[in-house]
Amino acid sequence: MARVKCFNREEALEKAMQAFWAKGYEATSVQDLVDCMGINRGSLYDTFGDKHKLFLEALDQYGTGSQLRTDVLRQVGDPREILTKFMYVFMQKQVADPMRRGCFMTNTAVELSSRDDECAERIRVFFEDMEMGLTDLIARGQQEGTFKSRRDAGSLATFFIGVMQGIRVVGKVNPEEAVLRPMVDVALTVLDGE
């Protein structure tokens, strides 16, 4: 007789993602996962395959959640207001994170992307999607005259991705708003330069 799974797959995946995000891939043991997910090893392997497959699903889950947050970049409205709010909300998330986790994708890029092609591809797609949203918003702001900069919108978007990841990395060491806010303030001035 087949065993019935007595856990919610999505909740278990969320718990695994949180564990990987807090500790990284290598430092998170299968026992850590079993403990935090509230399932036994057999259920973990039957449902998710192995630790690596579970990690890839956790990255996908994080990417999906982040994609929903970046949908704000595609909203109708004043491009400057949209980008300014997006950047400050992004910065505040780092300030408010008591665990100083940073960005799960950035953490994974540093830990694994040079030796794990599947992780590297997911990270590339994640940042590419964010960059496309930023590029479209900046280009619209340039067309409407909201942003004076004539620099290539894609290059400006890449710059903002770098600033955002810098906020996450610096925020892991010092998550004080007084440290991180100037990074956003200065970055936004780039849109008004020639």
C-alpha atoms as a PDB file:
ATOM      1  CA  MET A   1       0.000   0.000   0.000  1.00  0.00           C
ATOM      2  CA  ALA A   2       1.366   3.436  -0.958  1.00  0.00           C
ATOM      3  CA  ARG A   3       2.122   5.880   1.822  1.00  0.00           C
ATOM      4  CA  VAL A   4       0.102   9.067   1.924  1.00  0.00           C
ATOM      5  CA  LYS A   5       2.050  12.323   2.185  1.00  0.00           C
ATOM      6  CA  CYS A   6       0.968  14.234   5.267  1.00  0.00           C
ATOM      7  CA  PHE A   7       2.535  17.604   4.522  1.00  0.00           C
ATOM      8  CA  ASN A   8       1.951  20.587   2.301  1.00  0.00           C
ATOM      9  CA  ARG A   9       4.544  20.527  -0.482  1.00  0.00           C
ATOM     10  CA  GLU A  10       4.567  24.312  -0.981  1.00  0.00           C
ATOM     11  CA  GLU A  11       4.963  25.017   2.737  1.00  0.00           C
ATOM     12  CA  ALA A  12       7.798  22.488   2.958  1.00  0.00           C
ATOM     13  CA  LEU A  13       9.489  24.081  -0.059  1.00  0.00           C
ATOM     14  CA  GLU A  14       9.163  27.551   1.503  1.00  0.00           C
ATOM     15  CA  LYS A  15      10.812  26.271   4.697  1.00  0.00           C
ATOM     16  CA  ALA A  16      13.636  24.706   2.682  1.00  0.00           C
ATOM     17  CA  MET A  17      14.140  27.956   0.774  1.00  0.00           C
ATOM     18  CA  GLN A  18      14.393  29.872   4.041  1.00  0.00           C
ATOM     19  CA  ALA A  19      16.980  27.393   5.360  1.00  0.00           C
ATOM     20  CA  PHE A  20      19.093  27.558   2.202  1.00  0.00           C
ATOM     21  CA  TRP A  21      18.806  31.352   2.127  1.00  0.00           C
ATOM     22  CA  ALA A  22      19.973  31.653   5.723  1.00  0.00           C
ATOM     23  CA  LYS A  23      22.883  29.190   5.545  1.00  0.00           C
ATOM     24  CA  GLY A  24      23.736  28.589   1.890  1.00  0.00           C
ATOM     25  CA  TYR A  25      23.759  25.325  -0.018  1.00  0.00           C
ATOM     26  CA  GLU A  26      26.877  23.700   1.417  1.00  0.00           C
ATOM     27  CA  ALA A  27      26.194  24.616   5.056  1.00  0.00           C
ATOM     28  CA  THR A  28      22.597  23.330   4.967  1.00  0.00           C
ATOM     29  CA  SER A  29      22.598  19.615   5.691  1.00  0.00           C
ATOM     30  CA  VAL A  30      19.885  17.156   4.739  1.00  0.00           C
ATOM     31  CA  GLN A  31      19.184  16.839   8.467  1.00  0.00           C
ATOM     32  CA  ASP A  32      18.713  20.633   8.680  1.00  0.00           C
ATOM     33  CA  LEU A  33      16.203  20.362   5.844  1.00  0.00           C
ATOM     34  CA  VAL A  34      14.352  17.426   7.382  1.00  0.00           C
ATOM     35  CA  ASP A  35      14.149  19.303  10.693  1.00  0.00           C
ATOM     36  CA  CYS A  36      12.972  22.629   9.308  1.00  0.00           C
ATOM     37  CA  MET A  37      10.559  21.123   6.762  1.00  0.00           C
ATOM     38  CA  GLY A  38       9.013  18.798   9.336  1.00  0.00           C
ATOM     39  CA  ILE A  39       9.257  15.754   7.075  1.00  0.00           C
ATOM     40  CA  ASN A  40      11.340  12.589   7.082  1.00  0.00           C
ATOM     41  CA  ARG A  41      14.202  11.829   4.710  1.00  0.00           C
ATOM     42  CA  GLY A  42      12.121   9.420   2.664  1.00  0.00           C
ATOM     43  CA  SER A  43       9.494  12.082   2.027  1.00  0.00           C
ATOM     44  CA  LEU A  44      12.175  14.611   1.108  1.00  0.00           C
ATOM     45  CA  TYR A  45      13.731  12.273  -1.444  1.00  0.00           C
ATOM     46  CA  ASP A  46      10.379  10.973  -2.765  1.00  0.00           C
ATOM     47  CA  THR A  47       8.976  14.480  -3.191  1.00  0.00           C
ATOM     48  CA  PHE A  48      11.974  16.589  -4.183  1.00  0.00           C
ATOM     49  CA  GLY A  49      14.569  14.108  -5.422  1.00  0.00           C
ATOM     50  CA  ASP A  50      17.784  15.058  -3.683  1.00  0.00           C
ATOM     51  CA  LYS A  51      19.250  18.071  -1.908  1.00  0.00           C
ATOM     52  CA  HIS A  52      20.442  19.658  -5.153  1.00  0.00           C
ATOM     53  CA  LYS A  53      17.054  19.315  -6.862  1.00  0.00           C
ATOM     54  CA  LEU A  54      15.388  20.752  -3.775  1.00  0.00           C
ATOM     55  CA  PHE A  55      17.828  23.660  -3.850  1.00  0.00           C
ATOM     56  CA  LEU A  56      17.022  24.361  -7.511  1.00  0.00           C
ATOM     57  CA  GLU A  57      13.306  24.399  -6.665  1.00  0.00           C
ATOM     58  CA  ALA A  58      14.036  26.773  -3.783  1.00  0.00           C
ATOM     59  CA  LEU A  59      15.849  29.104  -6.199  1.00  0.00           C
ATOM     60  CA  ASP A  60      12.874  28.932  -8.551  1.00  0.00           C
ATOM     61  CA  GLN A  61      10.503  29.754  -5.690  1.00  0.00           C
ATOM     62  CA  TYR A  62      12.610  32.753  -4.673  1.00  0.00           C
ATOM     63  CA  GLY A  63      12.771  33.906  -8.289  1.00  0.00           C
ATOM     64  CA  THR A  64       9.002  33.689  -8.656  1.00  0.00           C
ATOM     65  CA  GLY A  65       8.452  35.737  -5.497  1.00  0.00           C
ATOM     66  CA  SER A  66      10.956  38.342  -6.628  1.00  0.00           C
ATOM     67  CA  GLN A  67       9.376  38.490 -10.066  1.00  0.00           C
ATOM     68  CA  LEU A  68       6.059  39.389  -8.460  1.00  0.00           C
ATOM     69  CA  ARG A  69       7.790  42.234  -6.590  1.00  0.00           C
ATOM     70  CA  THR A  70       9.464  43.538  -9.743  1.00  0.00           C
ATOM     71  CA  ASP A  71       6.106  43.648 -11.545  1.00  0.00           C
ATOM     72  CA  VAL A  72       5.805  47.106  -9.974  1.00  0.00           C
ATOM     73  CA  LEU A  73       8.388  48.273 -12.532  1.00  0.00           C
ATOM     74  CA  ARG A  74       5.856  47.601 -15.281  1.00  0.00           C
ATOM     75  CA  GLN A  75       3.045  49.630 -13.720  1.00  0.00           C
ATOM     76  CA  VAL A  76       1.507  52.671 -15.329  1.00  0.00           C
ATOM     77  CA  GLY A  77       2.561  55.920 -13.691  1.00  0.00           C
ATOM     78  CA  ASP A  78       5.422  58.341 -13.337  1.00  0.00           C
ATOM     79  CA  PRO A  79       8.669  56.409 -14.023  1.00  0.00           C
ATOM     80  CA  ARG A  80      10.644  58.456 -11.479  1.00  0.00           C
ATOM     81  CA  GLU A  81       8.117  57.787  -8.715  1.00  0.00           C
ATOM     82  CA  ILE A  82       7.968  54.090  -9.582  1.00  0.00           C
ATOM     83  CA  LEU A  83      11.751  53.643  -9.648  1.00  0.00           C
ATOM     84  CA  THR A  84      12.335  55.777  -6.553  1.00  0.00           C
ATOM     85  CA  LYS A  85       9.760  53.860  -4.523  1.00  0.00           C
ATOM     86  CA  PHE A  86      11.083  50.526  -5.817  1.00  0.00           C
ATOM     87  CA  MET A  87      14.665  51.363  -4.825  1.00  0.00           C
ATOM     88  CA  TYR A  88      13.766  52.635  -1.348  1.00  0.00           C
ATOM     89  CA  VAL A  89      11.489  49.677  -0.629  1.00  0.00           C
ATOM     90  CA  PHE A  90      14.307  47.382  -1.788  1.00  0.00           C
ATOM     91  CA  MET A  91      16.745  49.149   0.556  1.00  0.00           C
ATOM     92  CA  GLN A  92      14.271  49.013   3.472  1.00  0.00           C
ATOM     93  CA  LYS A  93      13.929  45.233   3.096  1.00  0.00           C
ATOM     94  CA  GLN A  94      17.637  44.910   3.766  1.00  0.00           C
ATOM     95  CA  VAL A  95      17.460  47.291   6.729  1.00  0.00           C
ATOM     96  CA  ALA A  96      14.515  45.348   8.197  1.00  0.00           C
ATOM     97  CA  ASP A  97      16.025  41.848   7.815  1.00  0.00           C
ATOM     98  CA  PRO A  98      17.288  40.830  11.276  1.00  0.00           C
ATOM     99  CA  MET A  99      19.074  37.813   9.785  1.00  0.00           C
ATOM    100  CA  ARG A 100      21.030  39.943   7.264  1.00  0.00           C
ATOM    101  CA  ARG A 101      20.495  37.308   4.600  1.00  0.00           C
ATOM    102  CA  GLY A 102      21.040  39.552   1.607  1.00  0.00           C
ATOM    103  CA  CYS A 103      19.793  38.304  -1.753  1.00  0.00           C
ATOM    104  CA  PHE A 104      19.410  34.533  -2.089  1.00  0.00           C
ATOM    105  CA  MET A 105      20.392  34.736  -5.768  1.00  0.00           C
ATOM    106  CA  THR A 106      23.485  36.831  -5.064  1.00  0.00           C
ATOM    107  CA  ASN A 107      24.497  34.537  -2.214  1.00  0.00           C
ATOM    108  CA  THR A 108      24.103  31.550  -4.523  1.00  0.00           C
ATOM    109  CA  ALA A 109      26.017  33.267  -7.328  1.00  0.00           C
ATOM    110  CA  VAL A 110      28.952  33.761  -4.992  1.00  0.00           C
ATOM    111  CA  GLU A 111      28.771  30.260  -3.535  1.00  0.00           C
ATOM    112  CA  LEU A 112      27.939  28.076  -6.525  1.00  0.00           C
ATOM    113  CA  SER A 113      27.676  29.708  -9.950  1.00  0.00           C
ATOM    114  CA  SER A 114      31.281  29.049 -10.956  1.00  0.00           C
ATOM    115  CA  ARG A 115      30.824  25.302 -10.482  1.00  0.00           C
ATOM    116  CA  ASP A 116      27.095  24.664 -10.908  1.00  0.00           C
ATOM    117  CA  ASP A 117      25.723  25.451 -14.364  1.00  0.00           C
ATOM    118  CA  GLU A 118      22.095  24.847 -13.381  1.00  0.00           C
ATOM    119  CA  CYS A 119      22.325  27.411 -10.579  1.00  0.00           C
ATOM    120  CA  ALA A 120      24.214  29.847 -12.782  1.00  0.00           C
ATOM    121  CA  GLU A 121      21.502  29.672 -15.467  1.00  0.00           C
ATOM    122  CA  ARG A 122      18.730  30.357 -12.960  1.00  0.00           C
ATOM    123  CA  ILE A 123      20.643  33.318 -11.577  1.00  0.00           C
ATOM    124  CA  ARG A 124      21.276  34.685 -15.072  1.00  0.00           C
ATOM    125  CA  VAL A 125      17.568  34.477 -15.939  1.00  0.00           C
ATOM    126  CA  PHE A 126      16.615  36.068 -12.601  1.00  0.00           C
ATOM    127  CA  PHE A 127      18.819  39.118 -13.141  1.00  0.00           C
ATOM    128  CA  GLU A 128      17.950  39.308 -16.837  1.00  0.00           C
ATOM    129  CA  ASP A 129      14.240  39.583 -15.995  1.00  0.00           C
ATOM    130  CA  MET A 130      14.883  42.300 -13.430  1.00  0.00           C
ATOM    131  CA  GLU A 131      17.133  44.139 -15.862  1.00  0.00           C
ATOM    132  CA  MET A 132      14.466  44.028 -18.581  1.00  0.00           C
ATOM    133  CA  GLY A 133      11.912  45.573 -16.217  1.00  0.00           C
ATOM    134  CA  LEU A 134      14.335  48.324 -15.259  1.00  0.00           C
ATOM    135  CA  THR A 135      15.353  48.910 -18.878  1.00  0.00           C
ATOM    136  CA  ASP A 136      11.755  49.333 -20.008  1.00  0.00           C
ATOM    137  CA  LEU A 137      10.945  51.706 -17.143  1.00  0.00           C
ATOM    138  CA  ILE A 138      14.062  53.831 -17.702  1.00  0.00           C
ATOM    139  CA  ALA A 139      13.489  53.948 -21.465  1.00  0.00           C
ATOM    140  CA  ARG A 140       9.922  55.090 -20.876  1.00  0.00           C
ATOM    141  CA  GLY A 141      11.160  57.757 -18.470  1.00  0.00           C
ATOM    142  CA  GLN A 142      13.644  58.965 -21.075  1.00  0.00           C
ATOM    143  CA  GLN A 143      10.997  59.092 -23.795  1.00  0.00           C
ATOM    144  CA  GLU A 144       8.637  61.031 -21.542  1.00  0.00           C
ATOM    145  CA  GLY A 145      11.399  63.435 -20.511  1.00  0.00           C
ATOM    146  CA  THR A 146      11.251  62.356 -16.860  1.00  0.00           C
ATOM    147  CA  PHE A 147      14.895  61.248 -16.974  1.00  0.00           C
ATOM    148  CA  LYS A 148      17.382  63.605 -18.615  1.00  0.00           C
ATOM    149  CA  SER A 149      20.123  61.034 -19.056  1.00  0.00           C
ATOM    150  CA  ARG A 150      20.712  59.983 -22.656  1.00  0.00           C
ATOM    151  CA  ARG A 151      22.785  56.997 -21.634  1.00  0.00           C
ATOM    152  CA  ASP A 152      21.572  53.672 -22.953  1.00  0.00           C
ATOM    153  CA  ALA A 153      18.593  52.507 -20.852  1.00  0.00           C
ATOM    154  CA  GLY A 154      20.002  48.965 -20.721  1.00  0.00           C
ATOM    155  CA  SER A 155      23.322  50.216 -19.381  1.00  0.00           C
ATOM    156  CA  LEU A 156      21.528  52.266 -16.740  1.00  0.00           C
ATOM    157  CA  ALA A 157      19.456  49.208 -15.777  1.00  0.00           C
ATOM    158  CA  THR A 158      22.642  47.153 -15.396  1.00  0.00           C
ATOM    159  CA  PHE A 159      24.036  49.902 -13.177  1.00  0.00           C
ATOM    160  CA  PHE A 160      20.918  49.769 -10.952  1.00  0.00           C
ATOM    161  CA  ILE A 161      21.216  45.980 -10.684  1.00  0.00           C
ATOM    162  CA  GLY A 162      24.787  46.506  -9.458  1.00  0.00           C
ATOM    163  CA  VAL A 163      23.647  49.112  -6.930  1.00  0.00           C
ATOM    164  CA  MET A 164      20.894  46.829  -5.679  1.00  0.00           C
ATOM    165  CA  GLN A 165      23.256  43.922  -5.194  1.00  0.00           C
ATOM    166  CA  GLY A 166      25.739  46.279  -3.525  1.00  0.00           C
ATOM    167  CA  ILE A 167      22.992  47.269  -1.085  1.00  0.00           C
ATOM    168  CA  ARG A 168      22.374  43.607  -0.316  1.00  0.00           C
ATOM    169  CA  VAL A 169      26.060  42.824   0.210  1.00  0.00           C
ATOM    170  CA  VAL A 170      26.900  45.952   2.224  1.00  0.00           C
ATOM    171  CA  GLY A 171      23.663  45.431   4.174  1.00  0.00           C
ATOM    172  CA  LYS A 172      24.832  42.004   5.291  1.00  0.00           C
ATOM    173  CA  VAL A 173      27.660  43.750   7.132  1.00  0.00           C
ATOM    174  CA  ASN A 174      25.958  47.011   8.076  1.00  0.00           C
ATOM    175  CA  PRO A 175      22.195  47.147   7.540  1.00  0.00           C
ATOM    176  CA  GLU A 176      21.837  50.684   8.860  1.00  0.00           C
ATOM    177  CA  GLU A 177      19.645  52.959   6.769  1.00  0.00           C
ATOM    178  CA  ALA A 178      22.189  55.761   7.200  1.00  0.00           C
ATOM    179  CA  VAL A 179      24.693  53.581   5.339  1.00  0.00           C
ATOM    180  CA  LEU A 180      22.402  52.214   2.616  1.00  0.00           C
ATOM    181  CA  ARG A 181      20.172  55.228   1.825  1.00  0.00           C
ATOM    182  CA  PRO A 182      23.016  57.268   0.253  1.00  0.00           C
ATOM    183  CA  MET A 183      23.614  54.404  -2.187  1.00  0.00           C
ATOM    184  CA  VAL A 184      20.054  54.843  -3.473  1.00  0.00           C
ATOM    185  CA  ASP A 185      20.200  58.653  -3.334  1.00  0.00           C
ATOM    186  CA  VAL A 186      23.362  58.814  -5.429  1.00  0.00           C
ATOM    187  CA  ALA A 187      22.213  56.125  -7.871  1.00  0.00           C
ATOM    188  CA  LEU A 188      19.020  58.018  -8.661  1.00  0.00           C
ATOM    189  CA  THR A 189      21.007  61.149  -9.594  1.00  0.00           C
ATOM    190  CA  VAL A 190      22.511  59.227 -12.526  1.00  0.00           C
ATOM    191  CA  LEU A 191      19.167  59.510 -14.300  1.00  0.00           C
ATOM    192  CA  ASP A 192      19.487  63.288 -14.473  1.00  0.00           C
ATOM    193  CA  GLY A 193      23.034  63.423 -15.811  1.00  0.00           C
ATOM    194  CA  GLU A 194      23.947  63.742 -19.456  1.00  0.00           C
END
